[in-house]
Amino acid sequence: MQTREVKPGRPRGATTFEAAPAIAFGQVVRQRRLKLGLAQEELANLAQVERSHMGKIERGEHLPNLVMILKIARALNCKPGKLIDQTAELLLEA
C-alpha cells in the first residue's frame, strides 16, 4: 500500500470560514458604519486595521477573529455581542 505525503497548509481554494456568517457580519458592520456616518477608512483607522482589510470584512471575504471583532465594536461604539446578535438575526432570516 502506498502512503501519501502529508503537505502542510490547506488545499487550494479551501476557505477557513463559512461564507454566510462572514457576509452577514460584513453587512452588520457596514450598516452600523453608515448609520454613524463614518467612511470605511475612518472605521479602519479607529479599529487600527488596514482599510483594505476592513473592505474585505464588509464584503464578507474575511471573517474576523475575536480580537478584530472587539476592535471593530469599540470603533463602532457598540458592544461586540450586539454585532454578533445582529449577525445571527440576519442568518436566521435567510
N, C-alpha and C. Protein backbone atom coordinates (compact mmCIF):
# COMPACT_ATOMS: atom_id res chain seq x y z
N MET A 1 0.83 -1.17 0.00
CA MET A 1 0.00 0.00 0.00
C MET A 1 0.89 1.25 0.00
N GLN A 2 0.55 2.19 -0.84
CA GLN A 2 1.34 3.40 -0.97
C GLN A 2 0.83 4.46 0.00
N THR A 3 1.75 5.08 0.73
CA THR A 3 1.35 6.14 1.66
C THR A 3 1.47 7.48 0.97
N ARG A 4 0.56 8.37 1.33
CA ARG A 4 0.57 9.71 0.74
C ARG A 4 1.39 10.64 1.60
N GLU A 5 2.08 11.53 0.94
CA GLU A 5 2.87 12.53 1.65
C GLU A 5 1.93 13.58 2.26
N VAL A 6 2.16 13.91 3.51
CA VAL A 6 1.36 14.93 4.17
C VAL A 6 1.99 16.28 3.88
N LYS A 7 1.20 17.18 3.31
CA LYS A 7 1.70 18.51 2.99
C LYS A 7 1.10 19.51 3.96
N PRO A 8 1.91 20.45 4.44
CA PRO A 8 1.37 21.46 5.34
C PRO A 8 0.43 22.42 4.60
N GLY A 9 -0.42 23.06 5.35
CA GLY A 9 -1.32 24.05 4.76
C GLY A 9 -2.64 23.42 4.33
N ARG A 10 -3.42 24.18 3.64
CA ARG A 10 -4.73 23.70 3.21
C ARG A 10 -4.77 23.63 1.69
N PRO A 11 -5.68 22.88 1.15
CA PRO A 11 -5.77 22.75 -0.31
C PRO A 11 -6.11 24.08 -0.97
N ARG A 12 -5.70 24.23 -2.20
CA ARG A 12 -6.04 25.45 -2.95
C ARG A 12 -7.55 25.62 -3.02
N GLY A 13 -7.99 26.85 -2.82
CA GLY A 13 -9.41 27.15 -2.91
C GLY A 13 -10.18 26.87 -1.63
N ALA A 14 -9.52 26.26 -0.65
CA ALA A 14 -10.21 25.97 0.61
C ALA A 14 -10.35 27.26 1.42
N THR A 15 -11.44 27.38 2.11
CA THR A 15 -11.65 28.55 2.96
C THR A 15 -11.63 28.12 4.42
N THR A 16 -11.34 29.06 5.28
CA THR A 16 -11.29 28.74 6.71
C THR A 16 -12.57 29.17 7.41
N PHE A 17 -13.55 29.57 6.65
CA PHE A 17 -14.80 30.01 7.26
C PHE A 17 -15.96 29.71 6.31
N GLU A 18 -17.13 29.72 6.87
CA GLU A 18 -18.33 29.58 6.05
C GLU A 18 -18.70 30.97 5.54
N ALA A 19 -19.11 31.04 4.30
CA ALA A 19 -19.36 32.33 3.66
C ALA A 19 -20.55 33.07 4.28
N ALA A 20 -21.62 32.37 4.61
CA ALA A 20 -22.85 33.04 5.08
C ALA A 20 -22.60 33.88 6.34
N PRO A 21 -21.95 33.37 7.38
CA PRO A 21 -21.70 34.21 8.56
C PRO A 21 -20.78 35.39 8.24
N ALA A 22 -19.81 35.18 7.38
CA ALA A 22 -18.89 36.27 7.02
C ALA A 22 -19.64 37.39 6.30
N ILE A 23 -20.52 37.02 5.38
CA ILE A 23 -21.29 38.01 4.63
C ILE A 23 -22.25 38.74 5.57
N ALA A 24 -22.92 38.00 6.44
CA ALA A 24 -23.86 38.63 7.38
C ALA A 24 -23.15 39.58 8.32
N PHE A 25 -21.99 39.17 8.85
CA PHE A 25 -21.24 40.05 9.75
C PHE A 25 -20.82 41.32 9.01
N GLY A 26 -20.36 41.16 7.79
CA GLY A 26 -19.96 42.32 6.99
C GLY A 26 -21.10 43.29 6.77
N GLN A 27 -22.30 42.76 6.53
CA GLN A 27 -23.47 43.62 6.33
C GLN A 27 -23.79 44.40 7.61
N VAL A 28 -23.67 43.73 8.75
CA VAL A 28 -23.95 44.39 10.03
C VAL A 28 -22.95 45.52 10.26
N VAL A 29 -21.69 45.26 10.01
CA VAL A 29 -20.65 46.28 10.20
C VAL A 29 -20.89 47.46 9.27
N ARG A 30 -21.18 47.18 8.01
CA ARG A 30 -21.41 48.25 7.04
C ARG A 30 -22.63 49.10 7.43
N GLN A 31 -23.73 48.43 7.82
CA GLN A 31 -24.94 49.17 8.22
C GLN A 31 -24.65 50.08 9.41
N ARG A 32 -23.96 49.55 10.39
CA ARG A 32 -23.63 50.34 11.59
C ARG A 32 -22.72 51.51 11.23
N ARG A 33 -21.73 51.25 10.37
CA ARG A 33 -20.79 52.31 9.95
C ARG A 33 -21.53 53.43 9.24
N LEU A 34 -22.41 53.07 8.31
CA LEU A 34 -23.15 54.07 7.56
C LEU A 34 -24.10 54.85 8.46
N LYS A 35 -24.71 54.15 9.42
CA LYS A 35 -25.62 54.81 10.37
C LYS A 35 -24.88 55.88 11.17
N LEU A 36 -23.61 55.60 11.47
CA LEU A 36 -22.79 56.56 12.22
C LEU A 36 -22.17 57.63 11.33
N GLY A 37 -22.33 57.48 10.01
CA GLY A 37 -21.78 58.46 9.07
C GLY A 37 -20.27 58.38 8.93
N LEU A 38 -19.71 57.19 9.13
CA LEU A 38 -18.27 57.01 9.02
C LEU A 38 -17.90 56.49 7.64
N ALA A 39 -16.79 56.97 7.12
CA ALA A 39 -16.22 56.39 5.91
C ALA A 39 -15.51 55.11 6.30
N GLN A 40 -15.37 54.23 5.34
CA GLN A 40 -14.70 52.95 5.62
C GLN A 40 -13.28 53.19 6.14
N GLU A 41 -12.60 54.16 5.58
CA GLU A 41 -11.24 54.47 6.01
C GLU A 41 -11.21 54.97 7.46
N GLU A 42 -12.21 55.76 7.84
CA GLU A 42 -12.30 56.23 9.23
C GLU A 42 -12.49 55.06 10.19
N LEU A 43 -13.39 54.15 9.83
CA LEU A 43 -13.63 52.99 10.68
C LEU A 43 -12.36 52.15 10.80
N ALA A 44 -11.68 51.95 9.69
CA ALA A 44 -10.44 51.18 9.71
C ALA A 44 -9.41 51.82 10.63
N ASN A 45 -9.29 53.13 10.56
CA ASN A 45 -8.35 53.84 11.44
C ASN A 45 -8.73 53.69 12.90
N LEU A 46 -10.02 53.83 13.20
CA LEU A 46 -10.48 53.69 14.58
C LEU A 46 -10.26 52.26 15.11
N ALA A 47 -10.41 51.27 14.23
CA ALA A 47 -10.24 49.87 14.63
C ALA A 47 -8.79 49.42 14.51
N GLN A 48 -7.94 50.29 14.01
CA GLN A 48 -6.50 50.02 13.86
C GLN A 48 -6.22 48.85 12.93
N VAL A 49 -6.90 48.86 11.77
CA VAL A 49 -6.65 47.87 10.73
C VAL A 49 -6.51 48.59 9.39
N GLU A 50 -5.98 47.89 8.41
CA GLU A 50 -5.85 48.46 7.07
C GLU A 50 -7.25 48.64 6.46
N ARG A 51 -7.41 49.70 5.66
CA ARG A 51 -8.69 49.94 5.02
C ARG A 51 -9.07 48.79 4.11
N SER A 52 -8.11 48.22 3.40
CA SER A 52 -8.41 47.11 2.51
C SER A 52 -8.92 45.89 3.28
N HIS A 53 -8.38 45.68 4.47
CA HIS A 53 -8.84 44.57 5.32
C HIS A 53 -10.28 44.82 5.77
N MET A 54 -10.57 46.06 6.14
CA MET A 54 -11.93 46.41 6.53
C MET A 54 -12.89 46.18 5.37
N GLY A 55 -12.46 46.51 4.17
CA GLY A 55 -13.28 46.28 2.99
C GLY A 55 -13.59 44.81 2.79
N LYS A 56 -12.59 43.96 3.02
CA LYS A 56 -12.80 42.52 2.89
C LYS A 56 -13.78 42.01 3.94
N ILE A 57 -13.70 42.57 5.14
CA ILE A 57 -14.64 42.18 6.20
C ILE A 57 -16.06 42.59 5.79
N GLU A 58 -16.23 43.82 5.33
CA GLU A 58 -17.56 44.30 4.95
C GLU A 58 -18.14 43.53 3.77
N ARG A 59 -17.29 43.08 2.86
CA ARG A 59 -17.76 42.32 1.69
C ARG A 59 -17.96 40.84 2.00
N GLY A 60 -17.60 40.42 3.21
CA GLY A 60 -17.76 39.02 3.59
C GLY A 60 -16.68 38.12 3.05
N GLU A 61 -15.56 38.70 2.64
CA GLU A 61 -14.45 37.91 2.13
C GLU A 61 -13.53 37.44 3.25
N HIS A 62 -13.70 38.00 4.42
CA HIS A 62 -12.87 37.64 5.57
C HIS A 62 -13.74 37.66 6.82
N LEU A 63 -13.64 36.62 7.62
CA LEU A 63 -14.36 36.55 8.88
C LEU A 63 -13.36 36.87 9.99
N PRO A 64 -13.54 37.99 10.69
CA PRO A 64 -12.55 38.40 11.69
C PRO A 64 -12.55 37.50 12.91
N ASN A 65 -11.40 37.47 13.56
CA ASN A 65 -11.29 36.72 14.81
C ASN A 65 -11.83 37.57 15.96
N LEU A 66 -11.79 37.02 17.16
CA LEU A 66 -12.37 37.70 18.32
C LEU A 66 -11.72 39.05 18.58
N VAL A 67 -10.40 39.11 18.49
CA VAL A 67 -9.71 40.38 18.75
C VAL A 67 -10.18 41.45 17.77
N MET A 68 -10.31 41.07 16.50
CA MET A 68 -10.75 42.03 15.49
C MET A 68 -12.19 42.45 15.73
N ILE A 69 -13.06 41.52 16.13
CA ILE A 69 -14.45 41.87 16.43
C ILE A 69 -14.50 42.87 17.58
N LEU A 70 -13.66 42.67 18.59
CA LEU A 70 -13.62 43.61 19.72
C LEU A 70 -13.17 45.00 19.26
N LYS A 71 -12.19 45.06 18.39
CA LYS A 71 -11.70 46.36 17.88
C LYS A 71 -12.78 47.05 17.04
N ILE A 72 -13.44 46.27 16.20
CA ILE A 72 -14.49 46.85 15.35
C ILE A 72 -15.64 47.37 16.20
N ALA A 73 -16.04 46.59 17.20
CA ALA A 73 -17.14 47.02 18.08
C ALA A 73 -16.77 48.31 18.80
N ARG A 74 -15.55 48.39 19.31
CA ARG A 74 -15.12 49.61 20.00
C ARG A 74 -15.16 50.80 19.04
N ALA A 75 -14.68 50.58 17.82
CA ALA A 75 -14.68 51.65 16.81
C ALA A 75 -16.09 52.08 16.43
N LEU A 76 -17.03 51.14 16.48
CA LEU A 76 -18.42 51.44 16.15
C LEU A 76 -19.23 51.86 17.37
N ASN A 77 -18.55 51.97 18.50
CA ASN A 77 -19.18 52.42 19.75
C ASN A 77 -20.38 51.54 20.14
N CYS A 78 -20.16 50.22 20.08
CA CYS A 78 -21.21 49.30 20.50
C CYS A 78 -20.55 48.07 21.13
N LYS A 79 -21.36 47.24 21.74
CA LYS A 79 -20.85 46.03 22.36
C LYS A 79 -20.66 44.96 21.28
N PRO A 80 -19.62 44.15 21.42
CA PRO A 80 -19.39 43.08 20.43
C PRO A 80 -20.58 42.14 20.32
N GLY A 81 -21.24 41.87 21.43
CA GLY A 81 -22.40 40.98 21.42
C GLY A 81 -23.52 41.49 20.53
N LYS A 82 -23.64 42.81 20.43
CA LYS A 82 -24.68 43.38 19.58
C LYS A 82 -24.39 43.07 18.11
N LEU A 83 -23.13 43.17 17.72
CA LEU A 83 -22.76 42.83 16.35
C LEU A 83 -23.04 41.36 16.06
N ILE A 84 -22.71 40.51 17.02
CA ILE A 84 -22.93 39.07 16.85
C ILE A 84 -24.43 38.76 16.81
N ASP A 85 -25.20 39.38 17.71
CA ASP A 85 -26.65 39.15 17.72
C ASP A 85 -27.29 39.56 16.40
N GLN A 86 -26.89 40.71 15.87
CA GLN A 86 -27.46 41.18 14.61
C GLN A 86 -27.04 40.26 13.46
N THR A 87 -25.83 39.73 13.53
CA THR A 87 -25.36 38.77 12.52
C THR A 87 -26.22 37.51 12.57
N ALA A 88 -26.47 37.01 13.78
CA ALA A 88 -27.29 35.81 13.95
C ALA A 88 -28.71 36.04 13.44
N GLU A 89 -29.26 37.22 13.68
CA GLU A 89 -30.61 37.54 13.18
C GLU A 89 -30.66 37.50 11.66
N LEU A 90 -29.63 38.05 11.01
CA LEU A 90 -29.59 38.01 9.54
C LEU A 90 -29.52 36.58 9.04
N LEU A 91 -28.75 35.75 9.73
CA LEU A 91 -28.61 34.36 9.30
C LEU A 91 -29.92 33.59 9.47
N LEU A 92 -30.67 33.91 10.51
CA LEU A 92 -31.93 33.23 10.75
C LEU A 92 -32.99 33.64 9.74
N GLU A 93 -32.89 34.88 9.25
CA GLU A 93 -33.84 35.38 8.26
C GLU A 93 -33.64 34.72 6.90
N ALA A 94 -32.41 34.32 6.64
CA ALA A 94 -32.08 33.75 5.31
C ALA A 94 -32.61 32.35 5.12
